Protein backbone atom coordinates (compact mmCIF):
# COMPACT_ATOMS: atom_id res chain seq x y z
CA UNK A 1 -49.77 13.67 -27.50
CA UNK A 2 -46.95 13.95 -24.90
CA UNK A 3 -46.61 16.93 -22.79
CA UNK A 4 -43.42 18.08 -24.62
CA UNK A 5 -45.05 17.64 -28.02
CA UNK A 6 -48.05 19.67 -26.69
CA UNK A 7 -45.69 22.38 -25.68
CA UNK A 8 -43.82 22.53 -28.98
CA UNK A 9 -47.07 22.79 -30.90
CA UNK A 10 -48.21 25.49 -28.49
CA UNK A 11 -45.13 27.50 -29.66
CA UNK A 12 -46.34 28.42 -32.98
CA UNK A 13 -49.82 29.30 -31.46
CA UNK A 14 -48.15 31.70 -28.98
CA UNK A 15 -45.84 33.18 -31.59
CA UNK A 16 -48.60 33.87 -34.04
CA UNK A 17 -50.98 35.27 -31.48
CA UNK A 18 -48.39 37.75 -30.07
CA UNK A 19 -47.29 38.64 -33.83
CA UNK A 20 -50.46 39.39 -35.55
CA UNK A 21 -52.05 41.21 -32.62
CA UNK A 22 -49.43 43.96 -33.16
CA UNK A 23 -50.38 44.15 -36.83
CA UNK A 24 -54.01 44.76 -35.96
CA UNK A 25 -55.38 41.33 -36.83
CA UNK A 26 -58.33 39.82 -34.84
CA UNK A 27 -58.46 36.27 -33.52
CA UNK A 28 -61.96 35.08 -34.06
CA UNK A 29 -63.84 32.16 -32.62
CA UNK A 30 -62.26 29.16 -30.70
CA UNK A 31 -59.13 27.49 -31.44
CA UNK A 32 -58.05 23.82 -32.32
CA UNK A 33 -61.58 22.86 -33.63
CA UNK A 34 -62.76 20.45 -36.27
CA UNK A 35 -65.51 21.04 -38.66
CA UNK A 36 -67.27 18.46 -40.86
CA UNK A 37 -66.03 17.69 -44.27
CA UNK A 38 -68.58 18.40 -47.01
CA UNK A 39 -66.77 16.37 -49.89
CA UNK A 40 -65.46 13.23 -48.07
CA UNK A 41 -64.72 11.24 -51.21
CA UNK A 42 -63.11 14.15 -53.19
CA UNK A 43 -61.08 15.25 -50.12
CA UNK A 44 -60.38 11.62 -48.77
CA UNK A 45 -60.77 12.63 -45.17
CA UNK A 46 -60.64 9.69 -43.17
CA UNK A 47 -61.94 11.24 -39.98
CA UNK A 48 -64.58 13.09 -42.10
CA UNK A 49 -63.50 16.44 -40.72
CA UNK A 50 -61.21 19.33 -41.34
CA UNK A 51 -58.86 20.89 -38.70
CA UNK A 52 -58.78 24.52 -37.95
CA UNK A 53 -56.12 25.55 -35.51
CA UNK A 54 -57.04 29.27 -35.37
CA UNK A 55 -58.82 31.83 -37.51
CA UNK A 56 -57.51 35.37 -37.89
CA UNK A 57 -59.38 38.24 -39.64
CA UNK A 58 -58.84 41.70 -40.71
CA UNK A 59 -60.68 44.31 -42.76
CA UNK A 60 -58.76 44.76 -46.04
CA UNK A 61 -58.58 48.58 -46.81
CA UNK A 62 -58.33 48.13 -50.65
CA UNK A 63 -61.03 45.18 -51.03
CA UNK A 64 -63.27 46.85 -48.45
CA UNK A 65 -64.18 43.31 -47.01
CA UNK A 66 -63.17 41.16 -44.20
CA UNK A 67 -60.61 38.51 -44.92
CA UNK A 68 -60.70 35.41 -42.80
CA UNK A 69 -57.52 33.40 -42.73
CA UNK A 70 -58.19 29.74 -41.80
CA UNK A 71 -54.78 28.95 -40.38
CA UNK A 72 -52.69 25.88 -40.08
CA UNK A 73 -50.03 26.36 -37.41
CA UNK A 74 -46.90 24.25 -37.62
CA UNK A 75 -44.07 24.13 -35.33
CA UNK A 76 -41.13 22.09 -36.69
CA UNK A 77 -37.52 21.55 -36.04
CA UNK A 78 -34.87 22.19 -38.92
CA UNK A 79 -34.92 18.63 -40.33
CA UNK A 80 -38.73 18.21 -40.58
CA UNK A 81 -39.38 21.11 -42.88
CA UNK A 82 -39.40 19.09 -46.02
CA UNK A 83 -41.26 19.02 -49.22
CA UNK A 84 -43.33 15.92 -48.07
CA UNK A 85 -44.49 17.73 -44.93
CA UNK A 86 -45.22 21.13 -46.70
CA UNK A 87 -47.12 19.42 -49.55
CA UNK A 88 -49.21 17.34 -47.09
CA UNK A 89 -49.92 20.65 -45.02
CA UNK A 90 -50.88 22.62 -48.30
CA UNK A 91 -53.18 19.95 -49.57
CA UNK A 92 -54.97 19.71 -46.27
CA UNK A 93 -55.26 23.55 -46.07
CA UNK A 94 -56.69 23.80 -49.75
CA UNK A 95 -59.39 21.12 -48.88
CA UNK A 96 -60.14 22.87 -45.63
CA UNK A 97 -60.91 26.26 -47.15
CA UNK A 98 -62.87 24.56 -49.97
CA UNK A 99 -65.32 23.23 -47.27
CA UNK A 100 -65.06 26.16 -45.06
CA UNK A 101 -66.56 28.52 -47.67
CA UNK A 102 -69.78 26.26 -47.79
CA UNK A 103 -69.84 25.16 -44.09
CA UNK A 104 -72.74 26.33 -42.00
CA UNK A 105 -70.85 25.24 -38.94
CA UNK A 106 -67.70 27.05 -39.83
CA UNK A 107 -69.49 30.23 -40.47
CA UNK A 108 -71.51 30.14 -37.38
CA UNK A 109 -68.21 29.58 -35.45
CA UNK A 110 -65.94 32.13 -37.17
CA UNK A 111 -67.58 34.24 -39.83
CA UNK A 112 -70.25 35.79 -37.82
CA UNK A 113 -69.42 39.38 -38.90
CA UNK A 114 -71.72 41.07 -41.30
CA UNK A 115 -70.76 42.52 -44.63
CA UNK A 116 -68.55 41.28 -47.55
CA UNK A 117 -65.97 38.61 -46.68
CA UNK A 118 -63.76 35.82 -48.21
CA UNK A 119 -62.02 32.88 -46.60
CA UNK A 120 -58.30 32.05 -47.38
CA UNK A 121 -55.84 29.67 -46.16
CA UNK A 122 -52.69 30.45 -44.23
CA UNK A 123 -49.83 28.12 -43.46
CA UNK A 124 -47.76 29.47 -40.61
CA UNK A 125 -44.56 27.60 -40.30
CA UNK A 126 -42.64 28.31 -37.18
CA UNK A 127 -39.08 26.77 -36.74
CA UNK A 128 -39.00 26.39 -32.99
CA UNK A 129 -35.34 25.38 -32.74
CA UNK A 130 -34.15 28.50 -34.72
CA UNK A 131 -31.80 26.45 -36.87
CA UNK A 132 -33.45 26.46 -40.05
CA UNK A 133 -31.12 28.86 -42.02
CA UNK A 134 -31.87 27.88 -45.91
CA UNK A 135 -34.48 29.48 -48.07
CA UNK A 136 -37.84 27.92 -47.13
CA UNK A 137 -38.75 27.89 -50.72
CA UNK A 138 -35.99 25.53 -51.62
CA UNK A 139 -38.21 22.66 -50.51
CA UNK A 140 -40.48 23.61 -53.44
CA UNK A 141 -37.82 22.51 -55.90
CA UNK A 142 -36.03 19.27 -56.82
CA UNK A 143 -32.51 18.95 -55.30
CA UNK A 144 -29.75 16.45 -55.38
CA UNK A 145 -28.78 15.01 -52.12
CA UNK A 146 -25.13 14.05 -52.15
CA UNK A 147 -25.16 11.88 -49.12
CA UNK A 148 -27.57 9.66 -50.52
CA UNK A 149 -27.03 10.22 -54.23
CA UNK A 150 -30.81 10.65 -54.76
CA UNK A 151 -33.02 13.39 -56.06
CA UNK A 152 -35.33 14.92 -53.52
CA UNK A 153 -38.73 15.73 -54.87
CA UNK A 154 -40.02 19.22 -54.63
CA UNK A 155 -43.69 20.39 -54.70
CA UNK A 156 -45.71 20.72 -57.91
CA UNK A 157 -48.08 23.61 -57.10
CA UNK A 158 -50.29 22.42 -60.04
CA UNK A 159 -51.35 19.59 -57.78
CA UNK A 160 -52.43 21.36 -54.82
CA UNK A 161 -56.31 21.32 -55.08
CA UNK A 162 -56.88 25.05 -55.06
CA UNK A 163 -60.01 26.14 -56.80
CA UNK A 164 -60.21 29.26 -58.93
CA UNK A 165 -60.16 32.32 -56.77
CA UNK A 166 -59.05 30.59 -53.64
CA UNK A 167 -55.79 31.62 -52.01
CA UNK A 168 -53.22 30.13 -49.68
CA UNK A 169 -50.66 32.40 -47.94
CA UNK A 170 -47.45 30.98 -46.34
CA UNK A 171 -45.87 32.70 -43.44
CA UNK A 172 -42.46 30.94 -43.22
CA UNK A 173 -39.56 31.09 -40.73
CA UNK A 174 -37.66 34.01 -42.18
CA UNK A 175 -40.85 36.14 -42.65
CA UNK A 176 -41.69 35.26 -38.97
CA UNK A 177 -38.16 36.54 -37.72
CA UNK A 178 -38.38 39.50 -39.98
CA UNK A 179 -41.78 40.52 -38.39
CA UNK A 180 -40.52 39.70 -34.95
CA UNK A 181 -37.46 41.92 -35.62
CA UNK A 182 -39.77 44.79 -36.60
CA UNK A 183 -41.85 44.41 -33.42
CA UNK A 184 -38.54 44.26 -31.35
CA UNK A 185 -37.11 47.42 -32.99
CA UNK A 186 -40.30 49.46 -32.58
CA UNK A 187 -40.33 48.29 -28.80
CA UNK A 188 -36.72 49.56 -28.54
CA UNK A 189 -37.60 52.81 -30.33
CA UNK A 190 -40.57 53.39 -27.98
CA UNK A 191 -38.29 52.83 -24.88
CA UNK A 192 -36.06 55.51 -26.38
CA UNK A 193 -39.22 57.64 -26.83
CA UNK A 194 -39.00 57.77 -30.64
CA UNK A 195 -42.10 56.01 -31.37
CA UNK A 196 -45.53 56.08 -29.77
CA UNK A 197 -46.75 53.80 -27.10
CA UNK A 198 -49.74 51.49 -27.34
CA UNK A 199 -51.54 51.40 -30.85
CA UNK A 200 -51.02 54.88 -31.81
CA UNK A 201 -49.61 54.18 -35.12
CA UNK A 202 -51.06 53.23 -38.48
CA UNK A 203 -50.06 51.30 -41.72
CA UNK A 204 -49.87 53.47 -44.73
CA UNK A 205 -51.98 52.69 -47.68
CA UNK A 206 -51.87 55.09 -50.75
CA UNK A 207 -54.98 55.44 -53.05
CA UNK A 208 -54.15 53.37 -56.19
CA UNK A 209 -55.65 53.94 -59.67
CA UNK A 210 -57.77 50.94 -59.40
CA UNK A 211 -58.18 50.62 -55.65
CA UNK A 212 -59.22 53.40 -53.24
CA UNK A 213 -58.60 53.02 -49.47
CA UNK A 214 -61.71 52.71 -47.25
CA UNK A 215 -62.09 52.83 -43.60
CA UNK A 216 -60.41 54.90 -40.88
CA UNK A 217 -56.58 55.01 -41.28
CA UNK A 218 -56.23 54.44 -37.67
CA UNK A 219 -57.95 51.00 -37.80
CA UNK A 220 -56.12 49.75 -40.91
CA UNK A 221 -54.25 46.48 -40.26
CA UNK A 222 -51.20 45.27 -41.99
CA UNK A 223 -52.51 43.02 -44.69
CA UNK A 224 -50.78 39.65 -45.31
CA UNK A 225 -49.76 41.08 -48.58
CA UNK A 226 -48.11 44.02 -46.83
CA UNK A 227 -46.35 41.76 -44.35
CA UNK A 228 -44.63 39.59 -46.89
CA UNK A 229 -43.92 42.63 -49.35
CA UNK A 230 -40.40 44.35 -49.92
CA UNK A 231 -41.11 47.09 -47.48
CA UNK A 232 -43.72 48.20 -44.86
CA UNK A 233 -44.52 51.85 -44.14
CA UNK A 234 -45.83 52.90 -40.67
CA UNK A 235 -47.21 56.34 -40.02
CA UNK A 236 -47.08 57.86 -36.44
CA UNK A 237 -48.04 61.37 -34.97
CA UNK A 238 -45.74 63.21 -32.77
CA UNK A 239 -44.38 61.09 -30.02
CA UNK A 240 -45.52 62.23 -26.58
CA UNK A 241 -44.48 60.77 -23.17
CA UNK A 242 -45.43 61.87 -19.65
CA UNK A 243 -42.48 63.61 -17.72
CA UNK A 244 -42.27 61.75 -14.38
CA UNK A 245 -40.85 64.77 -12.63
CA UNK A 246 -43.39 67.49 -14.03
CA UNK A 247 -46.26 64.80 -14.69
CA UNK A 248 -46.86 66.71 -18.01
CA UNK A 249 -47.05 65.24 -21.45
CA UNK A 250 -44.12 66.47 -23.50
CA UNK A 251 -43.17 66.01 -27.24
CA UNK A 252 -40.19 63.68 -27.51
CA UNK A 253 -39.98 63.05 -31.30
CA UNK A 254 -41.59 64.54 -34.47
CA UNK A 255 -44.36 63.00 -36.46
CA UNK A 256 -43.27 60.88 -39.59
CA UNK A 257 -42.95 57.53 -41.24
CA UNK A 258 -40.86 54.56 -40.35
CA UNK A 259 -40.16 52.46 -43.46
CA UNK A 260 -38.99 48.73 -42.80
CA UNK A 261 -37.08 47.34 -45.79
CA UNK A 262 -36.89 43.56 -46.24
CA UNK A 263 -33.79 43.30 -48.45
CA UNK A 264 -29.98 43.12 -48.49
CA UNK A 265 -29.09 46.52 -49.70
CA UNK A 266 -26.45 45.23 -52.26
CA UNK A 267 -27.64 47.48 -55.10
CA UNK A 268 -28.34 51.17 -55.14
CA UNK A 269 -31.34 50.61 -57.37
CA UNK A 270 -33.02 48.90 -54.25
CA UNK A 271 -33.05 52.14 -52.48
CA UNK A 272 -33.79 54.31 -55.65
CA UNK A 273 -36.97 52.21 -55.75
CA UNK A 274 -37.90 53.16 -52.33
CA UNK A 275 -37.28 56.84 -52.72
CA UNK A 276 -39.26 56.86 -55.93
CA UNK A 277 -42.13 55.16 -54.24
CA UNK A 278 -42.03 57.62 -51.37
CA UNK A 279 -42.00 60.31 -53.89
CA UNK A 280 -44.87 58.96 -55.96
CA UNK A 281 -46.94 58.66 -52.52
CA UNK A 282 -46.05 62.49 -52.02
CA UNK A 283 -44.26 61.62 -48.64
CA UNK A 284 -41.17 63.60 -49.66
CA UNK A 285 -42.53 67.03 -49.09
CA UNK A 286 -40.36 68.04 -46.15
CA UNK A 287 -43.20 68.00 -43.55
CA UNK A 288 -42.49 64.59 -42.27
CA UNK A 289 -39.66 62.70 -40.57
CA UNK A 290 -38.52 59.70 -42.64
CA UNK A 291 -36.73 56.82 -41.27
CA UNK A 292 -35.63 53.89 -43.36
CA UNK A 293 -34.60 50.91 -41.42
CA UNK A 294 -33.24 47.68 -43.15
CA UNK A 295 -34.13 44.36 -41.67
CA UNK A 296 -32.51 41.30 -43.20
CA UNK A 297 -30.36 38.23 -42.01
CA UNK A 298 -27.62 39.14 -44.67
CA UNK A 299 -27.26 42.95 -44.82
CA UNK A 300 -24.73 44.08 -47.35
CA UNK A 301 -21.56 44.99 -45.38
CA UNK A 302 -21.37 48.43 -47.06
CA UNK A 303 -25.08 49.18 -47.15
CA UNK A 304 -24.73 52.51 -45.85
CA UNK A 305 -22.45 53.68 -48.58
CA UNK A 306 -24.88 52.10 -51.03
CA UNK A 307 -27.81 54.14 -49.59
CA UNK A 308 -25.79 57.35 -49.79
CA UNK A 309 -25.03 56.68 -53.36
CA UNK A 310 -28.54 55.99 -54.10
CA UNK A 311 -29.57 59.18 -52.57
CA UNK A 312 -26.99 61.10 -54.59
CA UNK A 313 -28.00 59.23 -57.94
CA UNK A 314 -31.78 59.79 -57.36
CA UNK A 315 -31.21 63.48 -56.62
CA UNK A 316 -29.12 64.11 -59.86
CA UNK A 317 -31.49 62.00 -62.23
CA UNK A 318 -34.46 64.28 -61.21
CA UNK A 319 -32.49 67.40 -61.29
CA UNK A 320 -33.66 68.21 -57.69
CA UNK A 321 -33.07 71.79 -56.46
CA UNK A 322 -31.41 72.43 -53.22
CA UNK A 323 -34.62 72.40 -51.21
CA UNK A 324 -35.52 68.95 -52.58
CA UNK A 325 -32.04 67.55 -52.24
CA UNK A 326 -31.97 68.78 -48.58
CA UNK A 327 -35.07 66.75 -47.89
CA UNK A 328 -33.72 63.58 -49.37
CA UNK A 329 -30.53 64.15 -47.27
CA UNK A 330 -32.42 64.31 -44.01
CA UNK A 331 -33.85 60.78 -44.44
CA UNK A 332 -32.37 58.74 -41.68
CA UNK A 333 -30.98 55.20 -42.45
CA UNK A 334 -30.35 52.39 -39.68
CA UNK A 335 -29.70 48.63 -39.71
CA UNK A 336 -31.96 46.72 -37.47
CA UNK A 337 -30.87 43.44 -35.65
CA UNK A 338 -32.29 40.59 -37.24
CA UNK A 339 -33.71 38.38 -34.34
CA UNK A 340 -34.25 34.53 -34.19
CA UNK A 341 -36.07 33.91 -30.99
CA UNK A 342 -36.06 30.56 -29.54
CA UNK A 343 -38.64 29.00 -27.01
CA UNK A 344 -38.06 26.28 -24.62
CA UNK A 345 -40.74 23.75 -24.61
CA UNK A 346 -40.21 23.45 -20.81
CA UNK A 347 -40.68 27.14 -20.40
CA UNK A 348 -44.03 26.99 -22.54
CA UNK A 349 -45.22 24.22 -20.32
CA UNK A 350 -44.78 26.32 -17.18
CA UNK A 351 -46.55 29.23 -18.92
CA UNK A 352 -49.61 26.82 -19.66
């Protein structure tokens, strides 16, 4: 592997480490290791081993067990994100977690925490040149290529050798940019003294009819399902900063919730759904500051008007009194800049 190729593969590693640390995931064991294949004929592994780029873990607050994500880190330029490359990666990952669950070596290396746990696969696809602007999931479908007048194959998910109960999660370029945009925005809010410093925040999980939340709220991570969902709710206490002149801690912002919405905002029903969800979670009681911040590469041009209409429609449909309507109207709404960070392979090389 050349120095530049090594630097490019390191980009996905660097991005994933920085990203998931913020969402309270743990990096476990060593990186870039192989472990023996236990089903060589079935998995057709020429080297007789499976690769493990990195393993992340977190305690799922609903399942009350540790989730280990056996992760394949991929760093691609735009043209190399194809159905062929993604199919190959998914098959390899499915075979890896199939062996990992029964591998003594894998467990000793990564799954040394006590208690209930499960192993899943995660494909982390980083577009390091920042030019991949189509929907990632287009590669899963057949498409007509006009230049060659040929049909381009998609990916038949039925042919991915996942066993019953096994899971593979995909974190693709747009989701990576979405999560990076959230982190960048919260750093900006913290600089403005409108969000706490450090890790003084928590991801909100309501008790559900079939699942109750376990563990301390301050320790709850953002699960992979939460990160890839339509919105993410972050709770924080009063924001306090030290006044450099008086050397005393002062409150600079009220406690409350920041909701990041991953949508275009073209239809008021999008926001009515969010408002209704907040109401069901009993967050619209007037005691907490609510901020909805929309993060998307294609935000609708009149999104603020759509949000204002949604608040009006929602209040009328539920026949809210003046007090409740006043609470709805105090909800702040902001657009967040959608970032597409690029890394130089030379710069990464210097860091290494």
